[in-house]
């Protein structure tokens, strides 16, 4: 169990550092900043614990609003790796999207992690996705090889509460 906790923590740091939203603004209010740091520490500790219990990984949700109200900016999503054949319409997935840099210069390890809902499965096995708050589907389809996992839990950024997700449309 300690190994799983360590691995999930290391992966969380990796995803949090690379992926989704690394803009932390310093606060001029020291007391408010300390409370914010404490809340983030509780949130990350809770996420690591839940991830270790289910064998999941952690990703920070970007503050874009695309998945509101289900997932809000700065929430931590806990996702589990599943086979592409087990994914269903309504699942919230985390997937890797290459950046233009990786396509133009064949640079590995660049790109972003996106957390959106599957709204359709195409006959070629790719997925149509969209953020819950987006009016239109994503412009490109997600290939099964891009999917990192399906979101099972989220840790609220303000309260630290754990929310469970099931495979059903909003």
C-alpha atoms as a PDB file:
ATOM      1  CA  UNK A   1       0.000   0.000   0.000  1.00  0.00           C
ATOM      2  CA  UNK A   2       2.845   2.409   0.818  1.00  0.00           C
ATOM      3  CA  UNK A   3       4.329   1.749  -2.616  1.00  0.00           C
ATOM      4  CA  UNK A   4       0.988   2.488  -4.304  1.00  0.00           C
ATOM      5  CA  UNK A   5       0.692   5.702  -2.325  1.00  0.00           C
ATOM      6  CA  UNK A   6       4.221   6.725  -3.286  1.00  0.00           C
ATOM      7  CA  UNK A   7       3.665   5.916  -6.965  1.00  0.00           C
ATOM      8  CA  UNK A   8       0.344   7.745  -7.085  1.00  0.00           C
ATOM      9  CA  UNK A   9       1.964  10.722  -5.392  1.00  0.00           C
ATOM     10  CA  UNK A  10       4.852  10.795  -7.853  1.00  0.00           C
ATOM     11  CA  UNK A  11       2.487  10.549 -10.795  1.00  0.00           C
ATOM     12  CA  UNK A  12       0.335  13.301  -9.295  1.00  0.00           C
ATOM     13  CA  UNK A  13       3.323  15.610  -9.087  1.00  0.00           C
ATOM     14  CA  UNK A  14       4.209  14.730 -12.663  1.00  0.00           C
ATOM     15  CA  UNK A  15       0.725  15.462 -13.972  1.00  0.00           C
ATOM     16  CA  UNK A  16       0.244  18.532 -11.824  1.00  0.00           C
ATOM     17  CA  UNK A  17       3.537  19.954 -12.994  1.00  0.00           C
ATOM     18  CA  UNK A  18       3.145  19.222 -16.676  1.00  0.00           C
ATOM     19  CA  UNK A  19      -0.424  19.240 -17.486  1.00  0.00           C
ATOM     20  CA  UNK A  20      -3.246  21.216 -16.923  1.00  0.00           C
ATOM     21  CA  UNK A  21      -3.055  24.371 -14.920  1.00  0.00           C
ATOM     22  CA  UNK A  22       0.166  25.519 -13.320  1.00  0.00           C
ATOM     23  CA  UNK A  23      -0.772  29.156 -12.813  1.00  0.00           C
ATOM     24  CA  UNK A  24      -0.663  29.854  -9.116  1.00  0.00           C
ATOM     25  CA  UNK A  25      -0.913  33.517  -8.316  1.00  0.00           C
ATOM     26  CA  UNK A  26       0.818  34.746  -5.151  1.00  0.00           C
ATOM     27  CA  UNK A  27      -1.473  36.428  -2.688  1.00  0.00           C
ATOM     28  CA  UNK A  28      -0.744  39.735  -1.000  1.00  0.00           C
ATOM     29  CA  UNK A  29      -2.765  38.496   1.978  1.00  0.00           C
ATOM     30  CA  UNK A  30      -0.388  36.248   3.916  1.00  0.00           C
ATOM     31  CA  UNK A  31      -3.084  34.746   6.146  1.00  0.00           C
ATOM     32  CA  UNK A  32      -5.280  34.000   3.119  1.00  0.00           C
ATOM     33  CA  UNK A  33      -2.301  32.535   1.326  1.00  0.00           C
ATOM     34  CA  UNK A  34      -1.533  30.242   4.281  1.00  0.00           C
ATOM     35  CA  UNK A  35      -5.148  29.060   4.401  1.00  0.00           C
ATOM     36  CA  UNK A  36      -5.062  28.425   0.675  1.00  0.00           C
ATOM     37  CA  UNK A  37      -1.839  26.435   1.002  1.00  0.00           C
ATOM     38  CA  UNK A  38      -3.335  24.385   3.841  1.00  0.00           C
ATOM     39  CA  UNK A  39      -6.476  23.676   1.794  1.00  0.00           C
ATOM     40  CA  UNK A  40      -4.363  22.582  -1.166  1.00  0.00           C
ATOM     41  CA  UNK A  41      -2.312  20.302   1.080  1.00  0.00           C
ATOM     42  CA  UNK A  42      -5.469  18.684   2.472  1.00  0.00           C
ATOM     43  CA  UNK A  43      -6.880  18.323  -1.045  1.00  0.00           C
ATOM     44  CA  UNK A  44      -3.711  16.673  -2.366  1.00  0.00           C
ATOM     45  CA  UNK A  45      -3.389  14.384   0.671  1.00  0.00           C
ATOM     46  CA  UNK A  46      -7.001  13.266   0.262  1.00  0.00           C
ATOM     47  CA  UNK A  47      -6.501  12.728  -3.482  1.00  0.00           C
ATOM     48  CA  UNK A  48      -3.378  10.655  -2.895  1.00  0.00           C
ATOM     49  CA  UNK A  49      -5.201   8.506  -0.343  1.00  0.00           C
ATOM     50  CA  UNK A  50      -8.207   7.857  -2.605  1.00  0.00           C
ATOM     51  CA  UNK A  51      -5.955   7.211  -5.613  1.00  0.00           C
ATOM     52  CA  UNK A  52      -3.915   4.692  -3.629  1.00  0.00           C
ATOM     53  CA  UNK A  53      -7.055   2.865  -2.510  1.00  0.00           C
ATOM     54  CA  UNK A  54      -8.370   2.379  -6.052  1.00  0.00           C
ATOM     55  CA  UNK A  55      -5.078   2.172  -7.934  1.00  0.00           C
ATOM     56  CA  UNK A  56      -5.796   5.454  -9.662  1.00  0.00           C
ATOM     57  CA  UNK A  57      -3.898   8.528 -10.727  1.00  0.00           C
ATOM     58  CA  UNK A  58      -4.445  12.230 -10.126  1.00  0.00           C
ATOM     59  CA  UNK A  59      -4.882  15.170 -12.496  1.00  0.00           C
ATOM     60  CA  UNK A  60      -5.654  18.804 -11.712  1.00  0.00           C
ATOM     61  CA  UNK A  61      -8.615  20.206 -13.616  1.00  0.00           C
ATOM     62  CA  UNK A  62      -7.833  23.338 -15.606  1.00  0.00           C
ATOM     63  CA  UNK A  63      -9.704  26.487 -14.710  1.00  0.00           C
ATOM     64  CA  UNK A  64     -11.402  26.750 -18.122  1.00  0.00           C
ATOM     65  CA  UNK A  65     -14.967  26.051 -17.006  1.00  0.00           C
ATOM     66  CA  UNK A  66     -15.473  23.432 -19.726  1.00  0.00           C
ATOM     67  CA  UNK A  67     -16.517  20.695 -17.277  1.00  0.00           C
ATOM     68  CA  UNK A  68     -18.622  22.761 -14.895  1.00  0.00           C
ATOM     69  CA  UNK A  69     -20.672  22.072 -12.852  1.00  0.00           C
ATOM     70  CA  UNK A  70     -19.387  18.467 -12.543  1.00  0.00           C
ATOM     71  CA  UNK A  71     -15.721  19.446 -12.262  1.00  0.00           C
ATOM     72  CA  UNK A  72     -14.622  22.940 -11.432  1.00  0.00           C
ATOM     73  CA  UNK A  73     -11.308  24.669 -11.911  1.00  0.00           C
ATOM     74  CA  UNK A  74      -8.628  23.486  -9.515  1.00  0.00           C
ATOM     75  CA  UNK A  75     -10.466  20.274  -8.538  1.00  0.00           C
ATOM     76  CA  UNK A  76      -8.360  17.134  -8.506  1.00  0.00           C
ATOM     77  CA  UNK A  77      -9.688  14.293 -10.639  1.00  0.00           C
ATOM     78  CA  UNK A  78      -8.814  10.722  -9.780  1.00  0.00           C
ATOM     79  CA  UNK A  79      -8.866   8.484 -12.800  1.00  0.00           C
ATOM     80  CA  UNK A  80      -8.286   4.801 -13.433  1.00  0.00           C
ATOM     81  CA  UNK A  81      -6.802   3.159 -16.471  1.00  0.00           C
ATOM     82  CA  UNK A  82      -9.372   1.046 -18.298  1.00  0.00           C
ATOM     83  CA  UNK A  83      -9.398  -0.685 -21.642  1.00  0.00           C
ATOM     84  CA  UNK A  84     -10.911   1.273 -24.523  1.00  0.00           C
ATOM     85  CA  UNK A  85     -13.599  -1.376 -24.942  1.00  0.00           C
ATOM     86  CA  UNK A  86     -14.867  -0.669 -21.413  1.00  0.00           C
ATOM     87  CA  UNK A  87     -15.401   3.045 -22.063  1.00  0.00           C
ATOM     88  CA  UNK A  88     -19.010   4.115 -22.572  1.00  0.00           C
ATOM     89  CA  UNK A  89     -20.908   7.179 -23.639  1.00  0.00           C
ATOM     90  CA  UNK A  90     -21.205   9.395 -20.569  1.00  0.00           C
ATOM     91  CA  UNK A  91     -17.794   8.498 -19.095  1.00  0.00           C
ATOM     92  CA  UNK A  92     -15.514  11.393 -18.167  1.00  0.00           C
ATOM     93  CA  UNK A  93     -12.043  10.622 -19.487  1.00  0.00           C
ATOM     94  CA  UNK A  94      -8.569  12.094 -19.183  1.00  0.00           C
ATOM     95  CA  UNK A  95      -6.659  11.978 -22.453  1.00  0.00           C
ATOM     96  CA  UNK A  96      -3.415  13.300 -23.899  1.00  0.00           C
ATOM     97  CA  UNK A  97      -3.519  15.676 -26.834  1.00  0.00           C
ATOM     98  CA  UNK A  98      -0.288  16.409 -28.662  1.00  0.00           C
ATOM     99  CA  UNK A  99       0.766  20.002 -29.090  1.00  0.00           C
ATOM    100  CA  UNK A 100       1.620  21.496 -32.491  1.00  0.00           C
ATOM    101  CA  UNK A 101       5.261  21.313 -31.374  1.00  0.00           C
ATOM    102  CA  UNK A 102       5.097  17.527 -31.108  1.00  0.00           C
ATOM    103  CA  UNK A 103       3.456  17.184 -34.528  1.00  0.00           C
ATOM    104  CA  UNK A 104       5.741  19.612 -36.366  1.00  0.00           C
ATOM    105  CA  UNK A 105       9.058  18.680 -34.780  1.00  0.00           C
ATOM    106  CA  UNK A 106       8.279  15.159 -33.540  1.00  0.00           C
ATOM    107  CA  UNK A 107       9.040  16.172 -29.952  1.00  0.00           C
ATOM    108  CA  UNK A 108       7.794  13.559 -27.490  1.00  0.00           C
ATOM    109  CA  UNK A 109       6.320  14.474 -24.142  1.00  0.00           C
ATOM    110  CA  UNK A 110       4.741  17.734 -25.226  1.00  0.00           C
ATOM    111  CA  UNK A 111       1.055  18.409 -25.231  1.00  0.00           C
ATOM    112  CA  UNK A 112      -1.751  18.741 -22.718  1.00  0.00           C
ATOM    113  CA  UNK A 113      -4.018  16.510 -20.705  1.00  0.00           C
ATOM    114  CA  UNK A 114      -7.727  17.098 -21.278  1.00  0.00           C
ATOM    115  CA  UNK A 115     -10.637  15.987 -19.128  1.00  0.00           C
ATOM    116  CA  UNK A 116     -13.909  15.779 -21.103  1.00  0.00           C
ATOM    117  CA  UNK A 117     -16.961  13.552 -21.382  1.00  0.00           C
ATOM    118  CA  UNK A 118     -17.487  10.919 -24.081  1.00  0.00           C
ATOM    119  CA  UNK A 119     -20.567  11.935 -26.063  1.00  0.00           C
ATOM    120  CA  UNK A 120     -20.266   9.299 -28.763  1.00  0.00           C
ATOM    121  CA  UNK A 121     -18.272   6.309 -29.929  1.00  0.00           C
ATOM    122  CA  UNK A 122     -17.488   6.181 -33.624  1.00  0.00           C
ATOM    123  CA  UNK A 123     -17.436   3.035 -35.760  1.00  0.00           C
ATOM    124  CA  UNK A 124     -13.617   3.267 -36.032  1.00  0.00           C
ATOM    125  CA  UNK A 125     -13.352   3.030 -32.216  1.00  0.00           C
ATOM    126  CA  UNK A 126     -12.467   6.694 -31.640  1.00  0.00           C
ATOM    127  CA  UNK A 127     -14.409   8.838 -29.200  1.00  0.00           C
ATOM    128  CA  UNK A 128     -16.353  12.056 -29.677  1.00  0.00           C
ATOM    129  CA  UNK A 129     -15.860  14.236 -26.613  1.00  0.00           C
ATOM    130  CA  UNK A 130     -17.038  17.533 -25.201  1.00  0.00           C
ATOM    131  CA  UNK A 131     -16.820  19.526 -22.023  1.00  0.00           C
ATOM    132  CA  UNK A 132     -20.142  19.530 -20.155  1.00  0.00           C
ATOM    133  CA  UNK A 133     -20.348  23.328 -20.387  1.00  0.00           C
ATOM    134  CA  UNK A 134     -19.275  23.524 -24.040  1.00  0.00           C
ATOM    135  CA  UNK A 135     -21.932  24.230 -26.660  1.00  0.00           C
ATOM    136  CA  UNK A 136     -20.201  22.200 -29.377  1.00  0.00           C
ATOM    137  CA  UNK A 137     -18.264  18.912 -29.385  1.00  0.00           C
ATOM    138  CA  UNK A 138     -14.473  18.904 -29.501  1.00  0.00           C
ATOM    139  CA  UNK A 139     -13.143  19.446 -33.020  1.00  0.00           C
ATOM    140  CA  UNK A 140     -10.994  16.306 -33.076  1.00  0.00           C
ATOM    141  CA  UNK A 141     -11.795  12.753 -32.098  1.00  0.00           C
ATOM    142  CA  UNK A 142      -9.904  10.952 -29.361  1.00  0.00           C
ATOM    143  CA  UNK A 143      -8.107   7.756 -30.323  1.00  0.00           C
ATOM    144  CA  UNK A 144      -8.106   4.891 -27.790  1.00  0.00           C
ATOM    145  CA  UNK A 145      -4.306   5.209 -27.497  1.00  0.00           C
ATOM    146  CA  UNK A 146      -4.695   8.797 -26.217  1.00  0.00           C
ATOM    147  CA  UNK A 147      -6.938   7.836 -23.289  1.00  0.00           C
ATOM    148  CA  UNK A 148      -5.166   7.748 -19.935  1.00  0.00           C
ATOM    149  CA  UNK A 149      -8.221   6.698 -17.951  1.00  0.00           C
ATOM    150  CA  UNK A 150     -11.762   7.310 -16.784  1.00  0.00           C
ATOM    151  CA  UNK A 151     -12.519   9.710 -13.918  1.00  0.00           C
ATOM    152  CA  UNK A 152     -14.022   7.943 -10.910  1.00  0.00           C
ATOM    153  CA  UNK A 153     -13.643  10.587  -8.170  1.00  0.00           C
ATOM    154  CA  UNK A 154     -12.951  14.285  -7.752  1.00  0.00           C
ATOM    155  CA  UNK A 155     -11.641  16.162  -4.739  1.00  0.00           C
ATOM    156  CA  UNK A 156     -13.276  19.566  -4.338  1.00  0.00           C
ATOM    157  CA  UNK A 157     -10.759  22.406  -4.346  1.00  0.00           C
ATOM    158  CA  UNK A 158     -12.547  24.426  -1.662  1.00  0.00           C
ATOM    159  CA  UNK A 159     -13.909  21.843   0.771  1.00  0.00           C
ATOM    160  CA  UNK A 160     -11.748  18.779   0.168  1.00  0.00           C
ATOM    161  CA  UNK A 161     -14.929  16.708  -0.247  1.00  0.00           C
ATOM    162  CA  UNK A 162     -14.715  13.531  -2.321  1.00  0.00           C
ATOM    163  CA  UNK A 163     -17.261  13.181  -5.136  1.00  0.00           C
ATOM    164  CA  UNK A 164     -17.842   9.883  -6.949  1.00  0.00           C
ATOM    165  CA  UNK A 165     -18.677   9.742 -10.657  1.00  0.00           C
ATOM    166  CA  UNK A 166     -20.634   7.068 -12.424  1.00  0.00           C
ATOM    167  CA  UNK A 167     -20.854   6.357 -16.136  1.00  0.00           C
ATOM    168  CA  UNK A 168     -23.950   8.365 -16.908  1.00  0.00           C
ATOM    169  CA  UNK A 169     -24.558  11.559 -18.870  1.00  0.00           C
ATOM    170  CA  UNK A 170     -25.147  14.712 -16.789  1.00  0.00           C
END
